[in-house]
């Protein structure tokens, strides 16, 4: 078997059917199997997928352990020389799987590669190209000026001789050699959702290059997800689950000091975000304490980060899945 394609089902049977149709339509030149891991068999609609594609291999999990653990289950039974981890809400539009297979055969220096994400309208989806580019977004600072220049100097962008090489691969499409899973153990069990692909990329990169090829693309539909990032405001641009997960990644990959630096930054920004808004209200001749909803959300999110502080600082084993009562994004959206 050339390629084992692993897809996670969480109540998205029709998306998976559409994804599989695109795979069978456009993939050629490789032998492949498809493994579906269902994180919610009772409500996942798996029968619909199995009736349409009876040849798929299916794993029912007793609960929803998250994206990384589910993918690890799929990779543990896979027969392929290569694995493709593919989101349910994706479509391939040409033989991108065959092309990745060919590139990996030609490039033994690469341990894993990814494809560029495109929106359904055919426009490219932006993505973070390096660890440091991603880390800098966690700091809530003005988009220009001395502070931003200092952060850019503190976290410089890497320079690679290979123009296809990057720091990390987006979890929606990761094409890797079998030994990449066998030698690293796959995703960390600590991550429920988000951050797991970043953290795993750091360990995978010790085995070989991580690359994107500009002629390898796919469509990412981005289905509705209660843990997805939010557009509440600029200071609340990451969802609560995303922040908890990525602070865990920073702690794992860069150590306690960098994690503590982020926590201290968020605490020091509490009076800053309130003070700025109050001053703006006074200047605009409004009540000083009006329209502080965004600032209150920021404080509540910071409070959730602090709930996971000791566990993150000492890297306590276990799932860092936030509780429903801690999902500030959903609570504020429904209020």
C-alpha atoms as a PDB file:
ATOM      1  CA  UNK A   1       0.000   0.000   0.000  1.00  0.00           C
ATOM      2  CA  UNK A   2       1.453   3.365  -1.034  1.00  0.00           C
ATOM      3  CA  UNK A   3      -0.663   5.759   1.016  1.00  0.00           C
ATOM      4  CA  UNK A   4      -2.974   5.447   4.026  1.00  0.00           C
ATOM      5  CA  UNK A   5      -5.402   8.388   4.104  1.00  0.00           C
ATOM      6  CA  UNK A   6      -6.683   9.098   7.624  1.00  0.00           C
ATOM      7  CA  UNK A   7      -9.742  11.283   8.228  1.00  0.00           C
ATOM      8  CA  UNK A   8     -11.443  12.121  11.520  1.00  0.00           C
ATOM      9  CA  UNK A   9     -15.242  12.128  11.664  1.00  0.00           C
ATOM     10  CA  UNK A  10     -16.982  14.315  14.203  1.00  0.00           C
ATOM     11  CA  UNK A  11     -20.583  14.625  13.022  1.00  0.00           C
ATOM     12  CA  UNK A  12     -19.498  15.501   9.480  1.00  0.00           C
ATOM     13  CA  UNK A  13     -20.599  12.518   7.332  1.00  0.00           C
ATOM     14  CA  UNK A  14     -21.589  14.546   4.268  1.00  0.00           C
ATOM     15  CA  UNK A  15     -18.349  16.493   4.303  1.00  0.00           C
ATOM     16  CA  UNK A  16     -16.438  13.211   4.403  1.00  0.00           C
ATOM     17  CA  UNK A  17     -18.481  11.791   1.519  1.00  0.00           C
ATOM     18  CA  UNK A  18     -17.690  14.875  -0.573  1.00  0.00           C
ATOM     19  CA  UNK A  19     -14.020  14.632   0.410  1.00  0.00           C
ATOM     20  CA  UNK A  20     -13.829  10.941  -0.544  1.00  0.00           C
ATOM     21  CA  UNK A  21     -15.536  11.570  -3.871  1.00  0.00           C
ATOM     22  CA  UNK A  22     -12.862  14.130  -4.723  1.00  0.00           C
ATOM     23  CA  UNK A  23     -10.105  11.695  -3.696  1.00  0.00           C
ATOM     24  CA  UNK A  24     -11.434   8.897  -5.878  1.00  0.00           C
ATOM     25  CA  UNK A  25     -12.049  11.268  -8.769  1.00  0.00           C
ATOM     26  CA  UNK A  26      -8.599  12.839  -8.935  1.00  0.00           C
ATOM     27  CA  UNK A  27      -6.096  10.441  -7.348  1.00  0.00           C
ATOM     28  CA  UNK A  28      -4.061   8.231  -9.684  1.00  0.00           C
ATOM     29  CA  UNK A  29      -0.686   6.542  -9.807  1.00  0.00           C
ATOM     30  CA  UNK A  30      -0.814   5.386  -6.164  1.00  0.00           C
ATOM     31  CA  UNK A  31      -2.485   2.592  -4.256  1.00  0.00           C
ATOM     32  CA  UNK A  32      -4.295   3.887  -1.200  1.00  0.00           C
ATOM     33  CA  UNK A  33      -6.567   2.932   1.653  1.00  0.00           C
ATOM     34  CA  UNK A  34      -8.901   5.203   3.598  1.00  0.00           C
ATOM     35  CA  UNK A  35      -9.224   5.001   7.378  1.00  0.00           C
ATOM     36  CA  UNK A  36     -11.998   6.915   9.139  1.00  0.00           C
ATOM     37  CA  UNK A  37     -11.764   7.455  12.903  1.00  0.00           C
ATOM     38  CA  UNK A  38     -15.116   8.427  14.430  1.00  0.00           C
ATOM     39  CA  UNK A  39     -14.914  10.594  17.544  1.00  0.00           C
ATOM     40  CA  UNK A  40     -18.676  10.404  18.144  1.00  0.00           C
ATOM     41  CA  UNK A  41     -20.101   7.134  16.750  1.00  0.00           C
ATOM     42  CA  UNK A  42     -23.499   7.646  18.364  1.00  0.00           C
ATOM     43  CA  UNK A  43     -24.133  10.950  16.593  1.00  0.00           C
ATOM     44  CA  UNK A  44     -21.522  10.915  13.836  1.00  0.00           C
ATOM     45  CA  UNK A  45     -23.631   9.557  10.995  1.00  0.00           C
ATOM     46  CA  UNK A  46     -20.998   6.981  10.120  1.00  0.00           C
ATOM     47  CA  UNK A  47     -23.512   4.599   8.531  1.00  0.00           C
ATOM     48  CA  UNK A  48     -24.088   7.126   5.759  1.00  0.00           C
ATOM     49  CA  UNK A  49     -20.390   7.130   4.874  1.00  0.00           C
ATOM     50  CA  UNK A  50     -20.046   3.345   5.105  1.00  0.00           C
ATOM     51  CA  UNK A  51     -23.091   2.811   2.893  1.00  0.00           C
ATOM     52  CA  UNK A  52     -21.605   5.117   0.255  1.00  0.00           C
ATOM     53  CA  UNK A  53     -18.028   3.842   0.560  1.00  0.00           C
ATOM     54  CA  UNK A  54     -18.144   0.319   2.069  1.00  0.00           C
ATOM     55  CA  UNK A  55     -14.436  -0.220   1.389  1.00  0.00           C
ATOM     56  CA  UNK A  56     -13.268   2.321   4.007  1.00  0.00           C
ATOM     57  CA  UNK A  57     -11.698   1.041   7.214  1.00  0.00           C
ATOM     58  CA  UNK A  58     -13.573   2.353  10.250  1.00  0.00           C
ATOM     59  CA  UNK A  59     -12.601   2.918  13.882  1.00  0.00           C
ATOM     60  CA  UNK A  60     -15.215   3.915  16.474  1.00  0.00           C
ATOM     61  CA  UNK A  61     -13.807   5.617  19.556  1.00  0.00           C
ATOM     62  CA  UNK A  62     -15.764   5.480  22.842  1.00  0.00           C
ATOM     63  CA  UNK A  63     -15.443   9.226  23.385  1.00  0.00           C
ATOM     64  CA  UNK A  64     -14.041  12.339  21.744  1.00  0.00           C
ATOM     65  CA  UNK A  65     -10.343  12.423  22.718  1.00  0.00           C
ATOM     66  CA  UNK A  66      -9.536  15.157  20.213  1.00  0.00           C
ATOM     67  CA  UNK A  67      -7.872  15.542  16.832  1.00  0.00           C
ATOM     68  CA  UNK A  68      -4.382  14.270  17.634  1.00  0.00           C
ATOM     69  CA  UNK A  69      -5.269  11.113  19.551  1.00  0.00           C
ATOM     70  CA  UNK A  70      -7.811  10.127  16.893  1.00  0.00           C
ATOM     71  CA  UNK A  71      -5.205  10.501  14.154  1.00  0.00           C
ATOM     72  CA  UNK A  72      -2.757   8.438  16.201  1.00  0.00           C
ATOM     73  CA  UNK A  73      -5.359   5.641  16.351  1.00  0.00           C
ATOM     74  CA  UNK A  74      -5.690   5.734  12.582  1.00  0.00           C
ATOM     75  CA  UNK A  75      -1.948   5.750  11.971  1.00  0.00           C
ATOM     76  CA  UNK A  76      -1.466   2.826  14.374  1.00  0.00           C
ATOM     77  CA  UNK A  77      -3.414   0.464  12.058  1.00  0.00           C
ATOM     78  CA  UNK A  78      -2.362   1.989   8.725  1.00  0.00           C
ATOM     79  CA  UNK A  79      -0.641  -0.183   6.093  1.00  0.00           C
ATOM     80  CA  UNK A  80       0.791   2.531   3.884  1.00  0.00           C
ATOM     81  CA  UNK A  81       4.391   3.445   3.223  1.00  0.00           C
ATOM     82  CA  UNK A  82       3.147   7.027   3.578  1.00  0.00           C
ATOM     83  CA  UNK A  83       0.351   8.507   5.685  1.00  0.00           C
ATOM     84  CA  UNK A  84      -1.893  11.406   4.669  1.00  0.00           C
ATOM     85  CA  UNK A  85      -3.720  13.133   7.499  1.00  0.00           C
ATOM     86  CA  UNK A  86      -6.621  14.950   5.888  1.00  0.00           C
ATOM     87  CA  UNK A  87      -9.393  17.065   7.381  1.00  0.00           C
ATOM     88  CA  UNK A  88     -12.986  16.065   6.756  1.00  0.00           C
ATOM     89  CA  UNK A  89     -13.818  19.555   5.481  1.00  0.00           C
ATOM     90  CA  UNK A  90     -11.422  19.405   2.521  1.00  0.00           C
ATOM     91  CA  UNK A  91     -11.559  18.711  -1.202  1.00  0.00           C
ATOM     92  CA  UNK A  92      -8.772  17.826  -3.616  1.00  0.00           C
ATOM     93  CA  UNK A  93      -9.048  19.327  -7.067  1.00  0.00           C
ATOM     94  CA  UNK A  94      -6.311  17.413  -8.891  1.00  0.00           C
ATOM     95  CA  UNK A  95      -3.858  14.562  -8.289  1.00  0.00           C
ATOM     96  CA  UNK A  96      -2.202  16.310  -5.340  1.00  0.00           C
ATOM     97  CA  UNK A  97      -1.899  13.007  -3.455  1.00  0.00           C
ATOM     98  CA  UNK A  98      -0.036  11.388  -6.324  1.00  0.00           C
ATOM     99  CA  UNK A  99       2.158  14.458  -6.673  1.00  0.00           C
ATOM    100  CA  UNK A 100       3.102  14.434  -2.974  1.00  0.00           C
ATOM    101  CA  UNK A 101       3.859  10.720  -3.232  1.00  0.00           C
ATOM    102  CA  UNK A 102       6.176  11.351  -6.171  1.00  0.00           C
ATOM    103  CA  UNK A 103       7.959  14.277  -4.475  1.00  0.00           C
ATOM    104  CA  UNK A 104       8.548  12.312  -1.307  1.00  0.00           C
ATOM    105  CA  UNK A 105      10.000   9.425  -3.293  1.00  0.00           C
ATOM    106  CA  UNK A 106      12.329  11.860  -5.050  1.00  0.00           C
ATOM    107  CA  UNK A 107      13.319  13.723  -1.857  1.00  0.00           C
ATOM    108  CA  UNK A 108      14.545  11.390   0.938  1.00  0.00           C
ATOM    109  CA  UNK A 109      15.618  14.479   2.913  1.00  0.00           C
ATOM    110  CA  UNK A 110      11.948  15.340   3.542  1.00  0.00           C
ATOM    111  CA  UNK A 111      10.128  13.637   6.436  1.00  0.00           C
ATOM    112  CA  UNK A 112       6.755  15.261   5.709  1.00  0.00           C
ATOM    113  CA  UNK A 113       5.157  17.730   3.321  1.00  0.00           C
ATOM    114  CA  UNK A 114       1.984  19.747   3.147  1.00  0.00           C
ATOM    115  CA  UNK A 115      -0.252  21.302   0.537  1.00  0.00           C
ATOM    116  CA  UNK A 116      -1.289  24.940   0.379  1.00  0.00           C
ATOM    117  CA  UNK A 117      -4.812  25.702   1.573  1.00  0.00           C
ATOM    118  CA  UNK A 118      -7.251  27.503  -0.703  1.00  0.00           C
ATOM    119  CA  UNK A 119     -10.690  28.945   0.000  1.00  0.00           C
ATOM    120  CA  UNK A 120     -13.647  27.555  -1.976  1.00  0.00           C
ATOM    121  CA  UNK A 121     -13.547  30.654  -4.211  1.00  0.00           C
ATOM    122  CA  UNK A 122     -10.049  29.712  -5.369  1.00  0.00           C
ATOM    123  CA  UNK A 123      -8.078  32.300  -3.398  1.00  0.00           C
ATOM    124  CA  UNK A 124      -5.112  31.196  -1.258  1.00  0.00           C
ATOM    125  CA  UNK A 125      -5.601  30.932   2.502  1.00  0.00           C
ATOM    126  CA  UNK A 126      -2.901  32.673   4.565  1.00  0.00           C
ATOM    127  CA  UNK A 127      -0.913  30.574   6.987  1.00  0.00           C
ATOM    128  CA  UNK A 128       1.926  30.995   9.452  1.00  0.00           C
ATOM    129  CA  UNK A 129       5.201  30.071   7.800  1.00  0.00           C
ATOM    130  CA  UNK A 130       7.366  29.760  10.910  1.00  0.00           C
ATOM    131  CA  UNK A 131       7.198  29.085  14.625  1.00  0.00           C
ATOM    132  CA  UNK A 132       8.335  32.619  15.435  1.00  0.00           C
ATOM    133  CA  UNK A 133       5.788  34.220  13.123  1.00  0.00           C
ATOM    134  CA  UNK A 134       3.096  32.323  14.998  1.00  0.00           C
ATOM    135  CA  UNK A 135       4.498  33.058  18.456  1.00  0.00           C
ATOM    136  CA  UNK A 136       4.580  36.795  17.776  1.00  0.00           C
ATOM    137  CA  UNK A 137       0.814  36.842  17.214  1.00  0.00           C
ATOM    138  CA  UNK A 138       0.251  35.899  20.860  1.00  0.00           C
ATOM    139  CA  UNK A 139       1.576  39.271  21.990  1.00  0.00           C
ATOM    140  CA  UNK A 140      -1.102  41.941  22.119  1.00  0.00           C
ATOM    141  CA  UNK A 141       0.894  44.955  20.994  1.00  0.00           C
ATOM    142  CA  UNK A 142       0.286  47.761  18.489  1.00  0.00           C
ATOM    143  CA  UNK A 143       0.914  46.591  14.897  1.00  0.00           C
ATOM    144  CA  UNK A 144       3.684  49.138  14.459  1.00  0.00           C
ATOM    145  CA  UNK A 145       6.245  50.928  16.551  1.00  0.00           C
ATOM    146  CA  UNK A 146       9.062  50.213  19.002  1.00  0.00           C
ATOM    147  CA  UNK A 147       7.394  47.271  20.770  1.00  0.00           C
ATOM    148  CA  UNK A 148       6.694  45.420  17.551  1.00  0.00           C
ATOM    149  CA  UNK A 149      10.264  45.995  16.325  1.00  0.00           C
ATOM    150  CA  UNK A 150      11.587  44.652  19.637  1.00  0.00           C
ATOM    151  CA  UNK A 151       9.457  41.516  19.356  1.00  0.00           C
ATOM    152  CA  UNK A 152      10.567  40.989  15.747  1.00  0.00           C
ATOM    153  CA  UNK A 153      14.178  41.202  16.886  1.00  0.00           C
ATOM    154  CA  UNK A 154      13.511  38.844  19.785  1.00  0.00           C
ATOM    155  CA  UNK A 155      11.841  36.292  17.484  1.00  0.00           C
ATOM    156  CA  UNK A 156      13.621  36.495  14.099  1.00  0.00           C
ATOM    157  CA  UNK A 157      12.396  34.574  11.093  1.00  0.00           C
ATOM    158  CA  UNK A 158      14.422  31.471  10.146  1.00  0.00           C
ATOM    159  CA  UNK A 159      16.413  31.328   6.922  1.00  0.00           C
ATOM    160  CA  UNK A 160      16.477  28.088   4.931  1.00  0.00           C
ATOM    161  CA  UNK A 161      18.527  27.338   1.835  1.00  0.00           C
ATOM    162  CA  UNK A 162      15.697  25.132   0.566  1.00  0.00           C
ATOM    163  CA  UNK A 163      12.901  27.467  -0.663  1.00  0.00           C
ATOM    164  CA  UNK A 164      10.298  24.739  -0.005  1.00  0.00           C
ATOM    165  CA  UNK A 165      11.240  24.266   3.665  1.00  0.00           C
ATOM    166  CA  UNK A 166       9.098  25.603   6.515  1.00  0.00           C
ATOM    167  CA  UNK A 167       8.910  25.207  10.283  1.00  0.00           C
ATOM    168  CA  UNK A 168       5.579  23.464  10.548  1.00  0.00           C
ATOM    169  CA  UNK A 169       2.730  21.879   8.612  1.00  0.00           C
ATOM    170  CA  UNK A 170      -0.969  22.611   9.033  1.00  0.00           C
ATOM    171  CA  UNK A 171      -2.835  19.591  10.395  1.00  0.00           C
ATOM    172  CA  UNK A 172      -5.509  19.748   7.688  1.00  0.00           C
ATOM    173  CA  UNK A 173      -3.100  18.100   5.200  1.00  0.00           C
ATOM    174  CA  UNK A 174       0.065  16.343   6.360  1.00  0.00           C
ATOM    175  CA  UNK A 175       1.735  13.820   4.048  1.00  0.00           C
ATOM    176  CA  UNK A 176       4.457  11.957   5.935  1.00  0.00           C
ATOM    177  CA  UNK A 177       6.633   8.897   5.883  1.00  0.00           C
ATOM    178  CA  UNK A 178       5.582   6.018   8.106  1.00  0.00           C
ATOM    179  CA  UNK A 179       8.776   6.351  10.143  1.00  0.00           C
ATOM    180  CA  UNK A 180       7.753   9.898  11.037  1.00  0.00           C
ATOM    181  CA  UNK A 181       4.955   8.398  13.114  1.00  0.00           C
ATOM    182  CA  UNK A 182       6.894   5.376  14.331  1.00  0.00           C
ATOM    183  CA  UNK A 183       9.893   7.390  15.577  1.00  0.00           C
ATOM    184  CA  UNK A 184       7.938  10.223  17.220  1.00  0.00           C
ATOM    185  CA  UNK A 185       4.836   8.414  18.457  1.00  0.00           C
ATOM    186  CA  UNK A 186       2.623  10.855  16.597  1.00  0.00           C
ATOM    187  CA  UNK A 187       0.725  13.740  18.128  1.00  0.00           C
ATOM    188  CA  UNK A 188       1.068  14.447  21.830  1.00  0.00           C
ATOM    189  CA  UNK A 189      -1.831  13.057  23.857  1.00  0.00           C
ATOM    190  CA  UNK A 190      -1.989  16.287  25.866  1.00  0.00           C
ATOM    191  CA  UNK A 191      -3.583  18.327  23.079  1.00  0.00           C
ATOM    192  CA  UNK A 192      -7.325  18.149  22.536  1.00  0.00           C
ATOM    193  CA  UNK A 193      -7.459  20.520  19.584  1.00  0.00           C
ATOM    194  CA  UNK A 194      -5.111  23.141  18.099  1.00  0.00           C
ATOM    195  CA  UNK A 195      -1.383  23.355  18.709  1.00  0.00           C
ATOM    196  CA  UNK A 196      -0.892  19.635  18.212  1.00  0.00           C
ATOM    197  CA  UNK A 197       0.270  20.016  14.611  1.00  0.00           C
ATOM    198  CA  UNK A 198       2.695  22.786  15.596  1.00  0.00           C
ATOM    199  CA  UNK A 199       4.170  20.775  18.475  1.00  0.00           C
ATOM    200  CA  UNK A 200       4.471  17.583  16.417  1.00  0.00           C
ATOM    201  CA  UNK A 201       6.136  19.497  13.581  1.00  0.00           C
ATOM    202  CA  UNK A 202       8.893  20.513  15.982  1.00  0.00           C
ATOM    203  CA  UNK A 203       9.630  16.852  16.721  1.00  0.00           C
ATOM    204  CA  UNK A 204       9.192  15.720  13.114  1.00  0.00           C
ATOM    205  CA  UNK A 205      11.676  18.325  11.896  1.00  0.00           C
ATOM    206  CA  UNK A 206      14.426  16.558  13.848  1.00  0.00           C
ATOM    207  CA  UNK A 207      14.008  13.620  11.440  1.00  0.00           C
ATOM    208  CA  UNK A 208      14.026  15.596   8.195  1.00  0.00           C
ATOM    209  CA  UNK A 209      12.714  18.652   6.376  1.00  0.00           C
ATOM    210  CA  UNK A 210       9.117  19.850   6.425  1.00  0.00           C
ATOM    211  CA  UNK A 211       8.143  21.277   3.058  1.00  0.00           C
ATOM    212  CA  UNK A 212       5.310  22.892   1.134  1.00  0.00           C
ATOM    213  CA  UNK A 213       5.200  22.622  -2.642  1.00  0.00           C
ATOM    214  CA  UNK A 214       3.604  25.529  -4.473  1.00  0.00           C
ATOM    215  CA  UNK A 215       1.940  23.274  -7.049  1.00  0.00           C
ATOM    216  CA  UNK A 216       0.273  21.167  -4.327  1.00  0.00           C
ATOM    217  CA  UNK A 217      -3.010  22.706  -3.179  1.00  0.00           C
ATOM    218  CA  UNK A 218      -6.351  21.676  -1.720  1.00  0.00           C
ATOM    219  CA  UNK A 219      -9.638  23.321  -0.765  1.00  0.00           C
ATOM    220  CA  UNK A 220     -10.278  23.846   2.947  1.00  0.00           C
ATOM    221  CA  UNK A 221     -13.941  24.547   3.608  1.00  0.00           C
ATOM    222  CA  UNK A 222     -13.475  25.226   7.350  1.00  0.00           C
ATOM    223  CA  UNK A 223     -16.713  23.817   8.733  1.00  0.00           C
ATOM    224  CA  UNK A 224     -18.311  25.333  11.817  1.00  0.00           C
ATOM    225  CA  UNK A 225     -16.417  24.263  14.903  1.00  0.00           C
ATOM    226  CA  UNK A 226     -17.179  25.393  18.473  1.00  0.00           C
ATOM    227  CA  UNK A 227     -13.456  25.651  19.258  1.00  0.00           C
ATOM    228  CA  UNK A 228     -12.405  27.585  16.147  1.00  0.00           C
ATOM    229  CA  UNK A 229     -10.777  30.968  16.356  1.00  0.00           C
ATOM    230  CA  UNK A 230     -13.070  33.925  16.843  1.00  0.00           C
ATOM    231  CA  UNK A 231     -13.478  37.395  15.385  1.00  0.00           C
ATOM    232  CA  UNK A 232     -14.809  38.935  18.596  1.00  0.00           C
ATOM    233  CA  UNK A 233     -12.130  41.635  18.555  1.00  0.00           C
ATOM    234  CA  UNK A 234      -8.453  42.226  17.852  1.00  0.00           C
ATOM    235  CA  UNK A 235      -7.432  41.548  21.454  1.00  0.00           C
ATOM    236  CA  UNK A 236      -9.587  38.388  21.458  1.00  0.00           C
ATOM    237  CA  UNK A 237      -8.587  37.099  18.033  1.00  0.00           C
ATOM    238  CA  UNK A 238      -7.817  33.564  19.240  1.00  0.00           C
ATOM    239  CA  UNK A 239     -10.446  31.241  20.672  1.00  0.00           C
ATOM    240  CA  UNK A 240     -10.082  30.135  24.283  1.00  0.00           C
ATOM    241  CA  UNK A 241      -9.240  26.527  23.370  1.00  0.00           C
ATOM    242  CA  UNK A 242      -6.696  27.710  20.816  1.00  0.00           C
ATOM    243  CA  UNK A 243      -4.916  29.852  23.387  1.00  0.00           C
ATOM    244  CA  UNK A 244      -4.814  27.131  26.036  1.00  0.00           C
ATOM    245  CA  UNK A 245      -3.424  24.655  23.486  1.00  0.00           C
ATOM    246  CA  UNK A 246      -0.846  26.966  21.993  1.00  0.00           C
ATOM    247  CA  UNK A 247       0.421  28.167  25.366  1.00  0.00           C
ATOM    248  CA  UNK A 248       0.982  24.479  26.118  1.00  0.00           C
ATOM    249  CA  UNK A 249       2.935  24.192  22.852  1.00  0.00           C
ATOM    250  CA  UNK A 250       5.121  27.178  23.788  1.00  0.00           C
ATOM    251  CA  UNK A 251       5.832  25.596  27.174  1.00  0.00           C
ATOM    252  CA  UNK A 252       6.724  22.233  25.629  1.00  0.00           C
ATOM    253  CA  UNK A 253       8.920  23.540  22.836  1.00  0.00           C
ATOM    254  CA  UNK A 254      10.505  26.666  24.321  1.00  0.00           C
ATOM    255  CA  UNK A 255      10.526  26.080  28.060  1.00  0.00           C
ATOM    256  CA  UNK A 256       9.120  27.607  31.226  1.00  0.00           C
ATOM    257  CA  UNK A 257      10.619  31.093  30.774  1.00  0.00           C
ATOM    258  CA  UNK A 258       8.926  31.754  27.424  1.00  0.00           C
ATOM    259  CA  UNK A 259       5.632  30.456  28.810  1.00  0.00           C
ATOM    260  CA  UNK A 260       5.892  32.641  31.911  1.00  0.00           C
ATOM    261  CA  UNK A 261       6.729  35.617  29.692  1.00  0.00           C
ATOM    262  CA  UNK A 262       3.456  35.143  27.797  1.00  0.00           C
ATOM    263  CA  UNK A 263       1.397  34.788  30.977  1.00  0.00           C
ATOM    264  CA  UNK A 264       3.007  37.906  32.469  1.00  0.00           C
ATOM    265  CA  UNK A 265       2.292  39.803  29.259  1.00  0.00           C
ATOM    266  CA  UNK A 266      -1.411  38.909  29.358  1.00  0.00           C
ATOM    267  CA  UNK A 267      -1.694  39.954  33.004  1.00  0.00           C
ATOM    268  CA  UNK A 268       0.071  43.279  32.410  1.00  0.00           C
ATOM    269  CA  UNK A 269      -2.190  43.990  29.450  1.00  0.00           C
ATOM    270  CA  UNK A 270      -5.359  43.901  31.594  1.00  0.00           C
ATOM    271  CA  UNK A 271      -5.002  47.505  32.882  1.00  0.00           C
ATOM    272  CA  UNK A 272      -3.688  48.592  29.478  1.00  0.00           C
ATOM    273  CA  UNK A 273      -6.725  47.413  27.469  1.00  0.00           C
ATOM    274  CA  UNK A 274      -9.112  48.889  30.039  1.00  0.00           C
ATOM    275  CA  UNK A 275      -7.159  52.136  30.335  1.00  0.00           C
ATOM    276  CA  UNK A 276      -7.020  52.608  26.570  1.00  0.00           C
ATOM    277  CA  UNK A 277     -10.769  52.120  26.185  1.00  0.00           C
ATOM    278  CA  UNK A 278     -11.639  54.377  29.102  1.00  0.00           C
ATOM    279  CA  UNK A 279      -9.388  57.123  27.716  1.00  0.00           C
ATOM    280  CA  UNK A 280     -10.989  56.693  24.278  1.00  0.00           C
ATOM    281  CA  UNK A 281     -14.464  57.002  25.817  1.00  0.00           C
ATOM    282  CA  UNK A 282     -13.512  60.196  27.650  1.00  0.00           C
ATOM    283  CA  UNK A 283     -12.030  61.657  24.486  1.00  0.00           C
ATOM    284  CA  UNK A 284     -15.222  60.765  22.594  1.00  0.00           C
ATOM    285  CA  UNK A 285     -17.328  62.356  25.383  1.00  0.00           C
ATOM    286  CA  UNK A 286     -18.949  59.073  26.318  1.00  0.00           C
ATOM    287  CA  UNK A 287     -19.343  57.551  29.750  1.00  0.00           C
ATOM    288  CA  UNK A 288     -15.839  56.361  30.772  1.00  0.00           C
ATOM    289  CA  UNK A 289     -17.016  52.807  31.509  1.00  0.00           C
ATOM    290  CA  UNK A 290     -19.257  52.274  28.488  1.00  0.00           C
ATOM    291  CA  UNK A 291     -18.687  49.623  25.799  1.00  0.00           C
ATOM    292  CA  UNK A 292     -16.189  47.542  27.781  1.00  0.00           C
ATOM    293  CA  UNK A 293     -17.530  44.179  26.577  1.00  0.00           C
ATOM    294  CA  UNK A 294     -14.371  43.320  24.627  1.00  0.00           C
ATOM    295  CA  UNK A 295     -12.169  44.126  27.598  1.00  0.00           C
ATOM    296  CA  UNK A 296     -14.281  41.972  29.930  1.00  0.00           C
ATOM    297  CA  UNK A 297     -14.041  39.052  27.489  1.00  0.00           C
ATOM    298  CA  UNK A 298     -10.265  39.473  27.491  1.00  0.00           C
ATOM    299  CA  UNK A 299     -10.185  39.245  31.290  1.00  0.00           C
ATOM    300  CA  UNK A 300     -12.365  36.124  31.262  1.00  0.00           C
ATOM    301  CA  UNK A 301     -10.117  34.458  28.681  1.00  0.00           C
ATOM    302  CA  UNK A 302      -7.036  35.339  30.688  1.00  0.00           C
ATOM    303  CA  UNK A 303      -8.749  33.803  33.699  1.00  0.00           C
ATOM    304  CA  UNK A 304      -9.132  30.514  31.798  1.00  0.00           C
ATOM    305  CA  UNK A 305      -5.431  30.593  30.893  1.00  0.00           C
ATOM    306  CA  UNK A 306      -4.639  30.976  34.587  1.00  0.00           C
ATOM    307  CA  UNK A 307      -6.798  27.949  35.435  1.00  0.00           C
ATOM    308  CA  UNK A 308      -4.382  25.865  33.362  1.00  0.00           C
ATOM    309  CA  UNK A 309      -1.295  27.698  34.622  1.00  0.00           C
ATOM    310  CA  UNK A 310       0.121  25.146  37.058  1.00  0.00           C
ATOM    311  CA  UNK A 311      -0.703  22.173  34.840  1.00  0.00           C
ATOM    312  CA  UNK A 312       1.003  23.857  31.883  1.00  0.00           C
ATOM    313  CA  UNK A 313       3.989  25.107  33.858  1.00  0.00           C
ATOM    314  CA  UNK A 314       4.778  21.638  35.199  1.00  0.00           C
ATOM    315  CA  UNK A 315       3.605  19.844  32.009  1.00  0.00           C
ATOM    316  CA  UNK A 316       1.057  17.754  33.832  1.00  0.00           C
ATOM    317  CA  UNK A 317      -0.090  14.838  31.669  1.00  0.00           C
ATOM    318  CA  UNK A 318      -3.704  14.839  30.531  1.00  0.00           C
ATOM    319  CA  UNK A 319      -6.034  16.383  27.994  1.00  0.00           C
ATOM    320  CA  UNK A 320      -5.993  20.184  27.951  1.00  0.00           C
ATOM    321  CA  UNK A 321      -9.588  20.311  26.760  1.00  0.00           C
ATOM    322  CA  UNK A 322     -11.419  23.314  28.129  1.00  0.00           C
ATOM    323  CA  UNK A 323     -14.738  22.800  29.862  1.00  0.00           C
ATOM    324  CA  UNK A 324     -17.995  24.090  28.313  1.00  0.00           C
ATOM    325  CA  UNK A 325     -18.150  26.706  31.078  1.00  0.00           C
ATOM    326  CA  UNK A 326     -14.678  27.916  30.014  1.00  0.00           C
ATOM    327  CA  UNK A 327     -15.494  28.319  26.328  1.00  0.00           C
ATOM    328  CA  UNK A 328     -15.803  32.086  26.460  1.00  0.00           C
ATOM    329  CA  UNK A 329     -16.304  32.351  22.692  1.00  0.00           C
ATOM    330  CA  UNK A 330     -19.535  30.327  22.736  1.00  0.00           C
ATOM    331  CA  UNK A 331     -20.773  31.940  25.949  1.00  0.00           C
ATOM    332  CA  UNK A 332     -20.316  35.485  24.614  1.00  0.00           C
ATOM    333  CA  UNK A 333     -21.808  34.581  21.233  1.00  0.00           C
ATOM    334  CA  UNK A 334     -24.991  33.308  22.871  1.00  0.00           C
ATOM    335  CA  UNK A 335     -25.303  36.104  25.427  1.00  0.00           C
END
